[in-house]
Protein backbone atom coordinates (compact mmCIF):
# COMPACT_ATOMS: atom_id res chain seq x y z
CA MET A 1 -3.26 93.27 24.77
CA ASN A 2 0.06 94.96 25.31
CA ASP A 3 2.13 93.33 28.09
CA TRP A 4 4.86 96.00 28.08
CA PRO A 5 4.84 98.64 30.73
CA GLU A 6 3.08 101.87 30.16
CA GLY A 7 4.84 104.09 27.68
CA TRP A 8 6.43 101.18 25.90
CA SER A 9 5.29 100.00 22.56
CA GLY A 10 6.09 97.07 20.45
CA ASP A 11 8.70 99.16 18.70
CA ASN A 12 10.54 99.48 21.93
CA ARG A 13 11.28 95.80 22.19
CA GLY A 14 14.98 95.06 21.85
CA ARG A 15 16.00 98.44 23.32
CA TYR A 16 18.14 98.85 26.44
CA GLY A 17 16.98 100.77 29.43
CA ARG A 18 14.17 103.22 29.29
CA GLY A 19 12.78 104.48 26.15
CA SER A 20 13.89 107.65 24.48
CA GLY A 21 12.67 109.85 21.82
CA SER A 22 15.44 108.74 19.51
CA ALA A 23 15.02 106.11 16.95
CA GLN A 24 18.34 104.56 17.93
CA PRO A 25 18.92 102.25 20.90
CA GLU A 26 20.36 103.88 24.06
CA SER A 27 23.86 102.77 25.03
CA ALA A 28 24.93 101.83 28.53
CA ARG A 29 25.15 104.75 30.92
CA VAL A 30 28.80 105.86 31.32
CA MET A 31 30.65 108.53 33.23
CA ARG A 32 31.98 111.51 31.42
CA GLN A 33 35.54 110.79 30.32
CA VAL A 34 38.35 113.11 31.46
CA ARG A 35 40.88 113.97 28.86
CA ARG A 36 44.64 114.14 29.69
CA GLY A 37 46.60 116.42 27.50
CA ALA A 38 45.49 118.42 24.52
CA ALA A 39 42.69 117.18 22.33
CA PRO A 40 43.78 115.71 18.99
CA PRO A 41 43.11 117.75 15.89
CA PRO A 42 39.86 117.08 14.17
CA GLY A 43 39.98 114.61 11.41
CA PRO A 44 38.12 111.77 9.80
CA GLY A 45 37.21 108.92 12.04
CA PRO A 46 34.61 106.27 12.44
CA ALA A 47 31.14 107.68 12.43
CA ALA A 48 29.35 107.55 15.73
CA PRO A 49 25.71 106.69 15.81
CA PRO A 50 23.54 109.62 16.60
CA TYR A 51 22.65 110.04 20.24
CA GLY A 52 19.51 111.35 21.49
CA GLY A 53 18.66 113.23 24.59
CA GLY A 54 21.90 115.30 24.56
CA VAL A 55 24.19 112.35 25.35
CA PRO A 56 27.67 113.10 23.87
CA GLN A 57 29.18 110.87 21.29
CA GLN A 58 31.48 108.20 22.77
CA PRO A 59 34.78 107.30 21.04
CA SER A 60 35.42 103.74 20.05
CA TYR A 61 38.49 101.65 21.05
CA VAL A 62 40.62 101.43 17.95
CA ASP A 63 44.30 101.63 18.98
CA GLY A 64 44.54 99.76 22.28
CA GLN A 65 45.85 102.92 23.95
CA GLY A 66 42.71 104.94 24.48
CA HIS A 67 39.51 105.98 22.77
CA GLY A 68 40.17 106.75 19.21
CA GLY A 69 43.44 108.60 19.97
CA ASP A 70 41.58 111.44 21.73
CA GLY A 71 44.16 111.71 24.57
CA TYR A 72 42.44 109.44 27.05
CA ASP A 73 44.59 106.66 28.51
CA SER A 74 42.88 103.91 30.43
CA GLY A 75 46.14 102.88 32.03
CA TYR A 76 45.56 99.19 31.50
CA ASN A 77 48.20 98.84 28.81
CA THR A 78 50.83 101.07 30.45
CA GLY A 79 50.74 99.75 34.01
CA GLN A 80 49.36 103.05 35.28
CA VAL A 81 47.56 102.82 38.58
CA TYR A 82 44.56 105.07 39.04
CA GLY A 83 45.13 107.73 41.62
CA SER A 84 48.84 107.85 40.81
CA PRO A 85 49.51 110.70 38.40
CA GLY A 86 52.15 110.19 35.78
CA GLY A 87 52.13 106.41 36.06
CA HIS A 88 54.10 106.31 39.35
CA GLY A 89 53.28 104.17 42.34
CA PRO A 90 51.78 105.49 45.54
CA GLY A 91 53.81 108.11 47.34
CA GLN A 92 55.99 108.87 44.31
CA GLY A 93 56.08 111.47 41.63
CA ARG A 94 54.80 114.97 41.78
CA GLY A 95 52.42 114.49 44.65
CA GLY A 96 54.39 111.77 46.53
CA ALA A 97 55.99 112.13 49.97
CA GLY A 98 58.55 109.31 49.50
CA ARG A 99 62.23 109.62 50.72
CA PRO A 100 64.75 110.49 47.97
CA ALA A 101 67.71 108.22 47.30
CA PRO A 102 70.70 109.05 49.63
CA ASP A 103 73.49 111.17 48.18
CA TRP A 104 76.50 109.02 49.16
CA ARG A 105 79.05 111.39 47.67
CA ARG A 106 77.78 114.20 49.82
CA ARG A 107 77.76 112.00 52.94
CA ILE A 108 81.33 110.77 52.35
CA LYS A 109 82.52 114.31 51.72
CA TRP A 110 81.10 115.68 54.98
CA THR A 111 82.27 112.66 56.96
CA ALA A 112 85.82 113.20 55.68
CA ILE A 113 85.65 116.92 56.49
CA THR A 114 84.43 116.14 60.02
CA VAL A 115 87.19 113.58 60.66
CA VAL A 116 89.94 115.85 59.32
CA THR A 117 88.66 118.79 61.35
CA ALA A 118 88.59 116.68 64.52
CA LEU A 119 92.16 115.48 63.90
CA VAL A 120 93.41 119.02 63.29
CA VAL A 121 91.71 120.36 66.40
CA THR A 122 93.05 117.47 68.51
CA THR A 123 96.57 117.85 67.14
CA VAL A 124 96.68 121.60 67.66
CA GLY A 125 95.18 121.26 71.13
CA THR A 126 97.69 118.55 72.07
CA TYR A 127 100.57 120.68 70.82
CA PHE A 128 99.66 123.70 72.91
CA TRP A 129 98.89 121.51 75.93
CA ALA A 130 102.28 119.80 75.69
CA ASP A 131 104.13 123.03 74.96
CA SER A 132 102.65 124.66 78.05
CA LYS A 133 103.99 121.83 80.25
CA LEU A 134 107.65 122.30 79.32
CA ASN A 135 109.66 123.79 82.17
CA ARG A 136 111.87 126.30 80.34
CA GLU A 137 114.03 127.29 83.28
CA VAL A 138 117.56 127.33 81.82
CA ASP A 139 118.75 130.56 80.22
CA LEU A 140 121.70 129.84 77.93
CA SER A 141 122.03 133.55 77.15
CA LYS A 142 123.76 133.86 80.54
CA VAL A 143 126.59 131.62 79.34
CA ILE A 144 129.62 133.72 78.34
CA GLU A 145 132.55 133.23 75.93
CA ARG A 146 130.80 130.55 73.93
CA PRO A 147 132.43 128.59 71.06
CA GLU A 148 131.27 129.14 67.50
CA ALA A 149 128.39 127.00 66.37
CA GLY A 150 129.09 124.10 64.03
CA GLU A 151 126.95 121.88 61.81
CA GLY A 152 124.15 119.80 63.30
CA THR A 153 122.58 120.16 66.74
CA ASN A 154 124.12 119.37 70.13
CA TYR A 155 122.08 118.54 73.24
CA LEU A 156 123.43 118.31 76.78
CA ILE A 157 121.28 115.67 78.50
CA VAL A 158 121.53 115.62 82.30
CA GLY A 159 120.12 113.20 84.84
CA SER A 160 119.98 114.87 88.23
CA ASP A 161 119.51 113.37 91.68
CA SER A 162 116.79 115.86 92.52
CA ARG A 163 114.27 114.52 95.04
CA GLU A 164 111.96 117.48 94.55
CA GLY A 165 108.30 116.54 94.96
CA MET A 166 109.05 113.02 96.23
CA THR A 167 107.37 111.68 99.36
CA ASP A 168 109.32 109.86 102.07
CA ASP A 169 107.86 106.55 100.86
CA GLN A 170 109.00 107.26 97.30
CA LYS A 171 112.50 108.10 98.47
CA LYS A 172 112.57 104.84 100.37
CA ASP A 173 111.20 102.75 97.49
CA LEU A 174 113.57 104.31 94.96
CA HIS A 175 116.59 104.20 97.31
CA THR A 176 117.38 107.86 96.61
CA GLY A 177 118.18 109.00 100.12
CA SER A 178 117.12 112.43 101.37
CA ALA A 179 119.99 114.71 100.40
CA GLU A 180 119.01 118.35 99.96
CA GLY A 181 119.51 120.18 96.68
CA LYS A 182 120.49 118.33 93.53
CA ARG A 183 123.58 117.09 91.74
CA THR A 184 124.22 115.56 88.34
CA ASP A 185 123.99 111.81 88.27
CA SER A 186 124.71 111.46 84.55
CA MET A 187 125.68 113.77 81.66
CA MET A 188 125.67 113.10 77.93
CA ILE A 189 126.19 115.02 74.72
CA LEU A 190 123.87 114.00 71.88
CA HIS A 191 124.86 115.21 68.43
CA THR A 192 122.34 114.98 65.58
CA GLY A 193 123.12 115.70 61.95
CA ASP A 194 123.21 114.39 58.40
CA ASN A 195 125.76 111.70 59.22
CA GLY A 196 123.82 109.98 61.96
CA SER A 197 123.61 110.58 65.68
CA THR A 198 126.37 110.30 68.28
CA LEU A 199 125.74 109.85 72.02
CA ILE A 200 128.76 110.65 74.21
CA SER A 201 128.75 110.08 77.97
CA LEU A 202 130.65 112.49 80.19
CA PRO A 203 131.67 110.66 83.38
CA ARG A 204 130.72 112.78 86.37
CA ASP A 205 134.19 112.20 87.83
CA SER A 206 135.83 113.78 84.77
CA ASP A 207 138.64 116.20 85.61
CA VAL A 208 137.72 119.65 84.25
CA GLU A 209 138.70 123.30 84.68
CA ILE A 210 136.09 125.68 86.05
CA PRO A 211 136.27 128.76 83.78
CA SER A 212 135.13 132.33 84.41
CA PHE A 213 131.35 132.61 84.51
CA VAL A 214 128.42 134.85 85.38
CA GLY A 215 126.35 133.74 88.37
CA SER A 216 122.92 132.53 87.24
CA ASP A 217 121.18 134.27 90.15
CA SER A 218 123.54 137.05 91.21
CA GLY A 219 124.59 138.17 87.74
CA LYS A 220 128.09 138.68 89.17
CA THR A 221 131.11 137.69 87.11
CA TYR A 222 133.43 135.14 88.69
CA PRO A 223 136.86 135.07 87.01
CA GLY A 224 138.49 131.74 86.28
CA THR A 225 141.41 130.73 88.48
CA GLY A 226 142.48 127.55 86.70
CA ARG A 227 140.81 125.51 89.38
CA HIS A 228 140.23 121.82 88.49
CA THR A 229 137.51 119.68 89.95
CA LYS A 230 135.04 116.95 89.05
CA LEU A 231 132.54 117.78 86.31
CA ASN A 232 129.49 117.28 88.51
CA ALA A 233 130.84 119.90 90.93
CA ALA A 234 130.14 122.60 88.32
CA TYR A 235 126.44 121.83 88.44
CA ALA A 236 126.44 121.74 92.24
CA GLU A 237 128.18 125.14 92.36
CA ASP A 238 125.93 127.20 90.10
CA GLY A 239 123.48 124.97 88.28
CA PRO A 240 122.85 124.25 84.60
CA GLU A 241 124.34 127.48 83.20
CA LEU A 242 127.75 126.86 84.80
CA LEU A 243 127.65 123.21 83.74
CA VAL A 244 127.08 124.25 80.11
CA ARG A 245 129.84 126.86 80.39
CA THR A 246 132.25 124.26 81.82
CA VAL A 247 131.52 121.62 79.15
CA GLU A 248 131.88 124.16 76.34
CA HIS A 249 135.13 125.53 77.79
CA ASN A 250 136.73 122.09 78.18
CA THR A 251 135.58 120.66 74.84
CA GLY A 252 135.30 123.64 72.49
CA LEU A 253 131.87 122.34 71.35
CA ARG A 254 128.90 124.69 71.41
CA LEU A 255 125.78 123.23 73.03
CA ASP A 256 122.46 124.21 71.44
CA HIS A 257 120.01 122.78 73.97
CA TYR A 258 119.84 121.61 77.56
CA VAL A 259 117.56 118.82 78.88
CA GLU A 260 117.41 117.64 82.50
CA ILE A 261 115.32 115.02 84.28
CA GLY A 262 115.16 114.08 87.96
CA PHE A 263 114.78 110.75 89.74
CA ALA A 264 111.00 110.81 90.12
CA GLY A 265 110.37 111.96 86.57
CA PHE A 266 112.59 109.24 85.17
CA ALA A 267 110.73 106.50 87.05
CA ASN A 268 107.34 107.95 86.11
CA ILE A 269 108.13 107.96 82.39
CA VAL A 270 109.22 104.33 82.48
CA ASP A 271 106.02 103.31 84.26
CA ALA A 272 103.89 105.39 81.89
CA VAL A 273 105.14 103.48 78.83
CA GLY A 274 104.55 100.18 80.57
CA GLY A 275 108.18 99.39 81.33
CA VAL A 276 111.27 99.08 79.15
CA GLU A 277 112.73 95.81 77.92
CA MET A 278 116.45 95.44 78.57
CA ASP A 279 119.02 92.71 78.14
CA ILE A 280 120.94 92.83 81.42
CA PRO A 281 124.56 91.76 80.72
CA GLN A 282 125.17 90.32 84.20
CA ASP A 283 123.60 89.76 87.58
CA ILE A 284 123.49 93.09 89.45
CA LYS A 285 123.03 93.50 93.18
CA ASP A 286 123.76 96.91 94.68
CA LYS A 287 122.47 97.99 98.10
CA LYS A 288 123.10 101.69 97.46
CA SER A 289 121.06 101.88 94.27
CA GLY A 290 118.65 99.13 95.29
CA ALA A 291 119.38 97.08 92.17
CA ASP A 292 118.68 93.36 92.38
CA LEU A 293 118.57 92.17 88.77
CA LYS A 294 119.28 88.89 87.05
CA LYS A 295 121.15 88.49 83.79
CA GLY A 296 119.06 88.26 80.61
CA LYS A 297 116.12 89.94 78.87
CA GLN A 298 113.47 91.42 81.11
CA THR A 299 111.10 94.38 81.36
CA LEU A 300 112.14 96.93 83.97
CA ASN A 301 109.58 99.08 85.76
CA GLY A 302 110.35 102.59 86.97
CA GLU A 303 111.92 101.55 90.26
CA GLU A 304 114.07 98.84 88.68
CA ALA A 305 115.13 101.11 85.81
CA LEU A 306 116.28 103.87 88.14
CA ALA A 307 118.29 101.38 90.20
CA PHE A 308 119.87 100.00 87.01
CA VAL A 309 121.07 103.36 85.65
CA ARG A 310 122.40 104.47 89.06
CA THR A 311 124.39 101.34 89.83
CA ARG A 312 128.19 101.71 89.73
CA TYR A 313 129.62 100.04 92.85
CA ALA A 314 128.59 96.59 91.61
CA LEU A 315 130.28 97.14 88.23
CA ALA A 316 133.94 96.43 87.47
CA GLY A 317 134.39 99.65 85.53
CA SER A 318 132.49 101.72 88.12
CA ASP A 319 131.37 105.03 86.59
CA LEU A 320 132.54 104.13 83.06
CA ASP A 321 130.42 100.97 83.05
CA ARG A 322 127.54 102.88 84.54
CA THR A 323 127.59 105.43 81.72
CA LYS A 324 127.39 102.60 79.20
CA ASN A 325 124.34 101.19 80.96
CA GLN A 326 122.76 104.65 81.03
CA GLN A 327 123.26 105.03 77.29
CA LYS A 328 121.74 101.64 76.58
CA PHE A 329 118.74 102.30 78.77
CA LEU A 330 118.00 105.83 77.51
CA SER A 331 118.18 104.61 73.92
CA ALA A 332 115.83 101.73 74.74
CA LEU A 333 113.47 104.13 76.49
CA ALA A 334 113.44 106.45 73.47
CA SER A 335 112.66 103.48 71.23
CA GLN A 336 109.79 102.45 73.49
CA VAL A 337 108.33 105.95 73.54
CA ALA A 338 108.57 106.29 69.75
CA THR A 339 106.74 103.05 68.93
CA PRO A 340 103.28 103.11 67.26
CA SER A 341 101.83 101.29 70.30
CA THR A 342 102.65 104.40 72.35
CA VAL A 343 102.28 107.23 69.82
CA LEU A 344 98.95 105.98 68.40
CA ASN A 345 97.46 104.96 71.74
CA PRO A 346 96.09 108.03 73.57
CA PHE A 347 95.78 106.02 76.79
CA LYS A 348 99.58 105.59 76.76
CA LEU A 349 100.65 108.69 74.84
CA TYR A 350 99.10 111.31 77.11
CA PRO A 351 100.24 109.76 80.40
CA THR A 352 103.74 109.37 78.94
CA MET A 353 103.84 112.95 77.68
CA GLY A 354 102.41 114.21 80.95
CA ALA A 355 104.92 112.29 83.06
CA GLY A 356 107.84 113.31 80.87
CA LEU A 357 107.02 116.96 80.26
CA ASP A 358 106.19 117.61 83.89
CA SER A 359 109.60 116.35 84.98
CA LEU A 360 111.80 117.78 82.22
CA ILE A 361 113.74 121.01 82.65
CA VAL A 362 114.88 122.55 79.37
CA ASP A 363 116.40 125.75 78.03
CA LYS A 364 114.24 128.70 77.04
CA ASP A 365 114.71 128.08 73.30
CA MET A 366 113.73 124.41 73.42
CA GLY A 367 110.60 123.55 71.45
CA LEU A 368 108.56 120.38 71.13
CA PHE A 369 110.05 119.68 67.71
CA ASP A 370 113.56 119.96 69.18
CA LEU A 371 112.54 117.51 71.90
CA ALA A 372 111.03 115.10 69.37
CA SER A 373 114.20 115.32 67.27
CA MET A 374 116.26 114.42 70.34
CA PHE A 375 114.15 111.34 71.06
CA TRP A 376 114.28 110.14 67.45
CA ALA A 377 118.06 110.58 67.44
CA MET A 378 118.39 108.52 70.62
CA LYS A 379 116.17 105.85 69.07
CA SER A 380 118.44 105.71 66.02
CA VAL A 381 121.43 105.14 68.31
CA SER A 382 119.74 102.13 69.90
CA GLY A 383 118.78 100.84 66.46
CA GLY A 384 122.39 100.72 65.33
CA GLU A 385 122.14 103.74 63.04
CA GLY A 386 124.25 105.92 65.35
CA THR A 387 127.25 105.78 67.64
CA SER A 388 127.42 105.59 71.43
CA MET A 389 130.65 106.06 73.36
CA ASN A 390 132.33 107.50 76.43
CA MET A 391 134.45 110.61 76.26
CA PRO A 392 137.99 109.31 75.47
CA ILE A 393 139.92 108.82 78.72
CA SER A 394 143.71 108.71 79.05
CA GLY A 395 144.01 107.99 82.77
CA SER A 396 143.27 109.56 86.14
CA VAL A 397 144.49 112.59 88.06
CA GLY A 398 143.93 112.75 91.82
CA GLY A 399 141.09 110.27 91.58
CA ASN A 400 139.46 112.15 88.68
CA LEU A 401 139.25 110.79 85.14
CA LYS A 402 141.57 112.60 82.72
CA TRP A 403 140.32 113.10 79.16
CA ASP A 404 142.53 112.22 76.20
CA ASP A 405 143.13 115.73 74.85
CA ALA A 406 144.17 114.66 71.33
CA LYS A 407 141.18 112.36 70.84
CA VAL A 408 138.78 114.88 72.35
CA LYS A 409 140.03 117.54 69.92
CA GLN A 410 139.55 115.22 66.94
CA LEU A 411 136.11 114.15 68.16
CA VAL A 412 134.95 117.72 68.59
CA GLN A 413 136.22 118.67 65.14
CA GLU A 414 134.29 115.81 63.55
CA LEU A 415 131.14 116.82 65.41
CA LYS A 416 131.50 120.46 64.42
CA ASN A 417 131.82 119.48 60.76
CA ASP A 418 129.01 116.93 61.12
CA GLU A 419 131.33 114.20 59.89
CA LYS A 420 131.17 110.53 60.67
CA VAL A 421 132.80 109.96 64.05
CA THR A 422 135.96 107.86 63.88
CA VAL A 423 137.17 108.39 67.42
CA SER A 424 136.35 105.73 70.02
CA GLY A 425 136.12 105.89 73.77
CA LYS A 426 136.00 103.21 76.45
């Protein structure tokens, strides 16, 4: 009796799966293989056993890379992961959505462009902001009979006693009094050139001749009468234009630029830079200027600085000693303003520029570069690279200080030729 299921015969024993009409055993059921790439050219290969029932011939594993070299790659020997075309990991390759590697060169390039653009915009904006704040009120074209220009650049720097814009409390704190109008409190000539800078103080009590001039407001010509008076009287009579005319007439030196600062502006600049360090040569106590300073190194605030540069009654040399103190302080102030801690710090630079530019009065041809050149020249004087001196004095006439004509002539000639100054003044 046959124990095999129906349809099976003894000949079917040893076969796999269900019977077939073929005389050969049926192989395990497999999925149709998908070829990658072009099919290899036909050629001799191992003979496949005949298949029955329309089952296609299956290639044998002969090279460890696929089935008989027919283009199929199982991926087991190459590290390929199924579902990842081209042998790449998930999210990579042709169908991946992974993030590409950053282009650092491109990022650095655009960062540099952004920084440079910001610096240019800030610099240009600062320039026009600062330029717009300059008070160009002095018209040197009104000055007549001017000397010929020499080498280098000459600035007339004036400190006035203007109280304009000051409150009563400020006048009290700064000991300025309440006099109307304004007068010169200090006057200096700063020469800049290839042979260093020279800072020359003009004592306000200097005896000078008032020449012919054209009124700054009236436009009327006033002929000279040979009248002599103190230098600061020229400013009080007709302002900056007559002062420039008087200095040029009495020295023979052409002045290229005019710079003036009042009491309040001076104090504000000093406070804006955080004070100025000075080495006070002696104890100073002066009720009129309000100075009460001890000898030695110390940092002066705006109020103390103004009192220091205005003091003369407590000094043995009176106005001559005061001019020396003014030179020392202005040079120290210029050095403080020109330091990296001020220039590179916007929280100090802008308040300093604002305080200074708001209070400066300059000539119509003065530019920011001219102003910067003036400050650098004053800094060089304080650093020992320049010369500071008083106008040479020979004595006094009627209480006014008489200039030494011979020395003044030599000094002016050296300045005109931009030569090293050999003349000295007390």
